[in-house]
Amino acid sequence: MQKRPISQGRPPGTTTFEAEPALAFGKAVRATRLEQGVGQEKLAGLAGVARSHMGKIERGEHMPTLALILKIAAALGISAAELMAVTERNLGSGTDS
């Protein structure tokens, strides 16, 4: 049996990005922000990220790290657990709006 060389990183074509949870999280952030009457730019500033990055998170184009999830929740004045609960409900609903 021939040994295969070990290469670093993910195999070609694989990804850690999953669209469904990213969309559910973004929907949760946007809904909470709008309920509070906070603009996207203000939320981004409070969370310490660029407004364009916040937009990508809200559209489900980027999945934030745990550290950023905690910052977004704090900027919204809610716990990360509350934000995740809304995200989980969004995952369960299966609706796109």
N, C-alpha and C. Protein backbone atom coordinates (compact mmCIF):
# COMPACT_ATOMS: atom_id res chain seq x y z
N MET A 1 0.84 -1.18 0.00
CA MET A 1 0.00 0.00 0.00
C MET A 1 0.89 1.25 0.00
N GLN A 2 0.57 2.16 -0.87
CA GLN A 2 1.36 3.38 -1.00
C GLN A 2 0.83 4.45 -0.06
N LYS A 3 1.74 5.13 0.62
CA LYS A 3 1.33 6.21 1.53
C LYS A 3 0.99 7.46 0.73
N ARG A 4 -0.10 8.10 1.14
CA ARG A 4 -0.46 9.38 0.51
C ARG A 4 0.20 10.50 1.29
N PRO A 5 0.68 11.50 0.60
CA PRO A 5 1.29 12.63 1.32
C PRO A 5 0.21 13.39 2.10
N ILE A 6 0.59 13.88 3.25
CA ILE A 6 -0.31 14.66 4.08
C ILE A 6 -0.18 16.12 3.67
N SER A 7 -1.28 16.73 3.34
CA SER A 7 -1.25 18.15 2.97
C SER A 7 -2.11 18.93 3.96
N GLN A 8 -1.69 20.14 4.23
CA GLN A 8 -2.41 20.99 5.16
C GLN A 8 -3.65 21.58 4.51
N GLY A 9 -4.58 21.95 5.35
CA GLY A 9 -5.79 22.62 4.86
C GLY A 9 -6.88 21.63 4.47
N ARG A 10 -7.97 22.19 4.01
CA ARG A 10 -9.11 21.36 3.60
C ARG A 10 -8.86 20.78 2.22
N PRO A 11 -9.46 19.63 1.97
CA PRO A 11 -9.35 19.08 0.61
C PRO A 11 -10.01 20.03 -0.39
N PRO A 12 -9.53 20.04 -1.63
CA PRO A 12 -10.13 20.92 -2.64
C PRO A 12 -11.63 20.68 -2.77
N GLY A 13 -12.37 21.78 -2.84
CA GLY A 13 -13.82 21.68 -3.04
C GLY A 13 -14.64 21.60 -1.76
N THR A 14 -13.98 21.51 -0.60
CA THR A 14 -14.74 21.47 0.65
C THR A 14 -14.83 22.85 1.25
N THR A 15 -15.81 23.03 2.10
CA THR A 15 -16.01 24.33 2.73
C THR A 15 -16.63 24.14 4.11
N THR A 16 -16.42 25.10 4.99
CA THR A 16 -17.05 25.06 6.30
C THR A 16 -18.30 25.95 6.31
N PHE A 17 -18.53 26.66 5.23
CA PHE A 17 -19.68 27.56 5.17
C PHE A 17 -20.95 26.78 4.86
N GLU A 18 -21.96 26.97 5.67
CA GLU A 18 -23.26 26.36 5.43
C GLU A 18 -24.28 27.49 5.30
N ALA A 19 -24.95 27.53 4.18
CA ALA A 19 -25.84 28.65 3.87
C ALA A 19 -27.05 28.73 4.80
N GLU A 20 -27.67 27.61 5.12
CA GLU A 20 -28.91 27.64 5.90
C GLU A 20 -28.73 28.29 7.28
N PRO A 21 -27.75 27.88 8.09
CA PRO A 21 -27.58 28.56 9.37
C PRO A 21 -27.15 30.02 9.21
N ALA A 22 -26.35 30.30 8.19
CA ALA A 22 -25.92 31.69 7.96
C ALA A 22 -27.13 32.57 7.65
N LEU A 23 -28.03 32.08 6.82
CA LEU A 23 -29.25 32.84 6.49
C LEU A 23 -30.15 33.00 7.72
N ALA A 24 -30.28 31.95 8.52
CA ALA A 24 -31.12 32.02 9.72
C ALA A 24 -30.55 33.01 10.73
N PHE A 25 -29.22 33.02 10.89
CA PHE A 25 -28.60 33.97 11.81
C PHE A 25 -28.77 35.39 11.30
N GLY A 26 -28.52 35.60 10.03
CA GLY A 26 -28.67 36.94 9.46
C GLY A 26 -30.08 37.47 9.60
N LYS A 27 -31.05 36.59 9.39
CA LYS A 27 -32.46 36.97 9.55
C LYS A 27 -32.75 37.36 11.00
N ALA A 28 -32.16 36.64 11.95
CA ALA A 28 -32.35 36.95 13.37
C ALA A 28 -31.76 38.30 13.72
N VAL A 29 -30.56 38.58 13.21
CA VAL A 29 -29.91 39.86 13.49
C VAL A 29 -30.73 41.00 12.89
N ARG A 30 -31.12 40.86 11.63
CA ARG A 30 -31.88 41.92 10.97
C ARG A 30 -33.22 42.18 11.68
N ALA A 31 -33.95 41.12 12.02
CA ALA A 31 -35.25 41.28 12.67
C ALA A 31 -35.09 41.98 14.03
N THR A 32 -34.10 41.58 14.79
CA THR A 32 -33.88 42.19 16.11
C THR A 32 -33.48 43.65 15.95
N ARG A 33 -32.61 43.92 15.00
CA ARG A 33 -32.17 45.30 14.75
C ARG A 33 -33.34 46.18 14.37
N LEU A 34 -34.19 45.68 13.46
CA LEU A 34 -35.34 46.47 13.01
C LEU A 34 -36.36 46.67 14.13
N GLU A 35 -36.57 45.65 14.97
CA GLU A 35 -37.49 45.78 16.11
C GLU A 35 -37.03 46.91 17.04
N GLN A 36 -35.72 47.06 17.16
CA GLN A 36 -35.16 48.08 18.05
C GLN A 36 -35.01 49.44 17.37
N GLY A 37 -35.25 49.49 16.06
CA GLY A 37 -35.13 50.75 15.34
C GLY A 37 -33.69 51.22 15.19
N VAL A 38 -32.77 50.28 15.13
CA VAL A 38 -31.35 50.60 15.01
C VAL A 38 -30.94 50.45 13.55
N GLY A 39 -30.19 51.40 13.04
CA GLY A 39 -29.70 51.31 11.67
C GLY A 39 -28.54 50.32 11.58
N GLN A 40 -28.36 49.79 10.39
CA GLN A 40 -27.30 48.81 10.17
C GLN A 40 -25.93 49.41 10.46
N GLU A 41 -25.72 50.65 10.05
CA GLU A 41 -24.42 51.30 10.27
C GLU A 41 -24.15 51.47 11.76
N LYS A 42 -25.16 51.87 12.52
CA LYS A 42 -24.99 52.04 13.97
C LYS A 42 -24.68 50.70 14.63
N LEU A 43 -25.41 49.65 14.26
CA LEU A 43 -25.17 48.32 14.84
C LEU A 43 -23.75 47.87 14.52
N ALA A 44 -23.33 48.07 13.28
CA ALA A 44 -21.97 47.68 12.89
C ALA A 44 -20.94 48.41 13.74
N GLY A 45 -21.15 49.69 13.95
CA GLY A 45 -20.23 50.46 14.78
C GLY A 45 -20.18 49.97 16.21
N LEU A 46 -21.35 49.67 16.76
CA LEU A 46 -21.41 49.16 18.13
C LEU A 46 -20.74 47.80 18.27
N ALA A 47 -20.83 47.00 17.22
CA ALA A 47 -20.23 45.66 17.24
C ALA A 47 -18.77 45.68 16.82
N GLY A 48 -18.31 46.80 16.29
CA GLY A 48 -16.91 46.92 15.90
C GLY A 48 -16.57 46.26 14.58
N VAL A 49 -17.53 46.29 13.64
CA VAL A 49 -17.27 45.73 12.31
C VAL A 49 -17.67 46.75 11.25
N ALA A 50 -17.20 46.54 10.05
CA ALA A 50 -17.57 47.42 8.94
C ALA A 50 -19.05 47.21 8.59
N ARG A 51 -19.71 48.28 8.15
CA ARG A 51 -21.11 48.18 7.78
C ARG A 51 -21.31 47.17 6.66
N SER A 52 -20.38 47.13 5.71
CA SER A 52 -20.52 46.18 4.61
C SER A 52 -20.45 44.73 5.10
N HIS A 53 -19.62 44.48 6.11
CA HIS A 53 -19.55 43.14 6.68
C HIS A 53 -20.86 42.79 7.39
N MET A 54 -21.41 43.77 8.11
CA MET A 54 -22.70 43.53 8.79
C MET A 54 -23.78 43.22 7.77
N GLY A 55 -23.76 43.91 6.64
CA GLY A 55 -24.73 43.64 5.59
C GLY A 55 -24.60 42.22 5.06
N LYS A 56 -23.37 41.77 4.89
CA LYS A 56 -23.14 40.40 4.42
C LYS A 56 -23.61 39.38 5.44
N ILE A 57 -23.42 39.68 6.72
CA ILE A 57 -23.91 38.79 7.78
C ILE A 57 -25.43 38.73 7.73
N GLU A 58 -26.08 39.88 7.63
CA GLU A 58 -27.55 39.92 7.61
C GLU A 58 -28.13 39.22 6.38
N ARG A 59 -27.41 39.26 5.28
CA ARG A 59 -27.89 38.58 4.06
C ARG A 59 -27.52 37.10 4.03
N GLY A 60 -26.78 36.65 5.04
CA GLY A 60 -26.38 35.25 5.10
C GLY A 60 -25.22 34.90 4.19
N GLU A 61 -24.48 35.90 3.78
CA GLU A 61 -23.33 35.67 2.90
C GLU A 61 -22.07 35.34 3.69
N HIS A 62 -22.03 35.73 4.97
CA HIS A 62 -20.91 35.44 5.85
C HIS A 62 -21.43 34.82 7.14
N MET A 63 -20.71 33.85 7.66
CA MET A 63 -21.03 33.28 8.96
C MET A 63 -20.02 33.84 9.96
N PRO A 64 -20.48 34.62 10.93
CA PRO A 64 -19.54 35.23 11.87
C PRO A 64 -18.95 34.21 12.84
N THR A 65 -17.82 34.58 13.40
CA THR A 65 -17.19 33.77 14.43
C THR A 65 -17.97 33.90 15.73
N LEU A 66 -17.66 33.03 16.67
CA LEU A 66 -18.31 33.11 17.98
C LEU A 66 -18.06 34.47 18.63
N ALA A 67 -16.83 34.95 18.52
CA ALA A 67 -16.50 36.25 19.12
C ALA A 67 -17.37 37.36 18.53
N LEU A 68 -17.59 37.32 17.22
CA LEU A 68 -18.41 38.35 16.58
C LEU A 68 -19.88 38.18 16.93
N ILE A 69 -20.34 36.95 17.06
CA ILE A 69 -21.72 36.71 17.49
C ILE A 69 -21.95 37.34 18.86
N LEU A 70 -20.99 37.16 19.76
CA LEU A 70 -21.10 37.76 21.10
C LEU A 70 -21.12 39.28 21.03
N LYS A 71 -20.29 39.87 20.15
CA LYS A 71 -20.26 41.33 19.99
C LYS A 71 -21.58 41.85 19.41
N ILE A 72 -22.12 41.14 18.43
CA ILE A 72 -23.39 41.56 17.82
C ILE A 72 -24.51 41.51 18.85
N ALA A 73 -24.55 40.43 19.62
CA ALA A 73 -25.59 40.30 20.65
C ALA A 73 -25.46 41.43 21.67
N ALA A 74 -24.25 41.72 22.12
CA ALA A 74 -24.04 42.81 23.07
C ALA A 74 -24.46 44.15 22.47
N ALA A 75 -24.13 44.37 21.20
CA ALA A 75 -24.51 45.61 20.52
C ALA A 75 -26.03 45.75 20.43
N LEU A 76 -26.72 44.61 20.32
CA LEU A 76 -28.18 44.63 20.27
C LEU A 76 -28.80 44.68 21.67
N GLY A 77 -27.97 44.54 22.70
CA GLY A 77 -28.46 44.59 24.07
C GLY A 77 -29.20 43.33 24.49
N ILE A 78 -28.87 42.21 23.86
CA ILE A 78 -29.48 40.94 24.21
C ILE A 78 -28.37 39.91 24.42
N SER A 79 -28.72 38.78 24.99
CA SER A 79 -27.72 37.74 25.18
C SER A 79 -27.53 36.97 23.88
N ALA A 80 -26.36 36.37 23.76
CA ALA A 80 -26.10 35.52 22.60
C ALA A 80 -27.08 34.36 22.58
N ALA A 81 -27.50 33.89 23.75
CA ALA A 81 -28.47 32.80 23.82
C ALA A 81 -29.80 33.21 23.20
N GLU A 82 -30.23 34.45 23.47
CA GLU A 82 -31.47 34.94 22.87
C GLU A 82 -31.35 35.02 21.35
N LEU A 83 -30.21 35.51 20.89
CA LEU A 83 -29.98 35.62 19.45
C LEU A 83 -29.94 34.25 18.80
N MET A 84 -29.35 33.29 19.47
CA MET A 84 -29.30 31.92 18.94
C MET A 84 -30.68 31.26 18.97
N ALA A 85 -31.49 31.60 19.97
CA ALA A 85 -32.85 31.04 20.03
C ALA A 85 -33.67 31.52 18.82
N VAL A 86 -33.52 32.78 18.47
CA VAL A 86 -34.22 33.31 17.29
C VAL A 86 -33.68 32.62 16.04
N THR A 87 -32.37 32.43 16.00
CA THR A 87 -31.76 31.74 14.86
C THR A 87 -32.31 30.33 14.72
N GLU A 88 -32.42 29.62 15.84
CA GLU A 88 -32.96 28.25 15.81
C GLU A 88 -34.41 28.23 15.35
N ARG A 89 -35.19 29.22 15.78
CA ARG A 89 -36.58 29.29 15.30
C ARG A 89 -36.62 29.52 13.80
N ASN A 90 -35.72 30.37 13.31
CA ASN A 90 -35.64 30.62 11.87
C ASN A 90 -35.28 29.35 11.11
N LEU A 91 -34.39 28.56 11.67
CA LEU A 91 -34.01 27.29 11.03
C LEU A 91 -35.20 26.34 10.97
N GLY A 92 -35.98 26.33 12.04
CA GLY A 92 -37.14 25.44 12.11
C GLY A 92 -38.30 25.87 11.23
N SER A 93 -38.37 27.18 10.97
CA SER A 93 -39.52 27.68 10.19
C SER A 93 -39.40 27.36 8.71
N GLY A 94 -38.16 27.34 8.22
CA GLY A 94 -37.94 27.02 6.81
C GLY A 94 -38.48 28.05 5.83
N THR A 95 -38.74 29.28 6.31
CA THR A 95 -39.23 30.33 5.42
C THR A 95 -38.11 31.29 5.09
N ASP A 96 -38.18 31.89 3.94
CA ASP A 96 -37.17 32.85 3.50
C ASP A 96 -37.78 34.24 3.35
N SER A 97 -37.84 34.97 4.44
CA SER A 97 -38.28 36.36 4.34
C SER A 97 -37.70 37.20 5.41
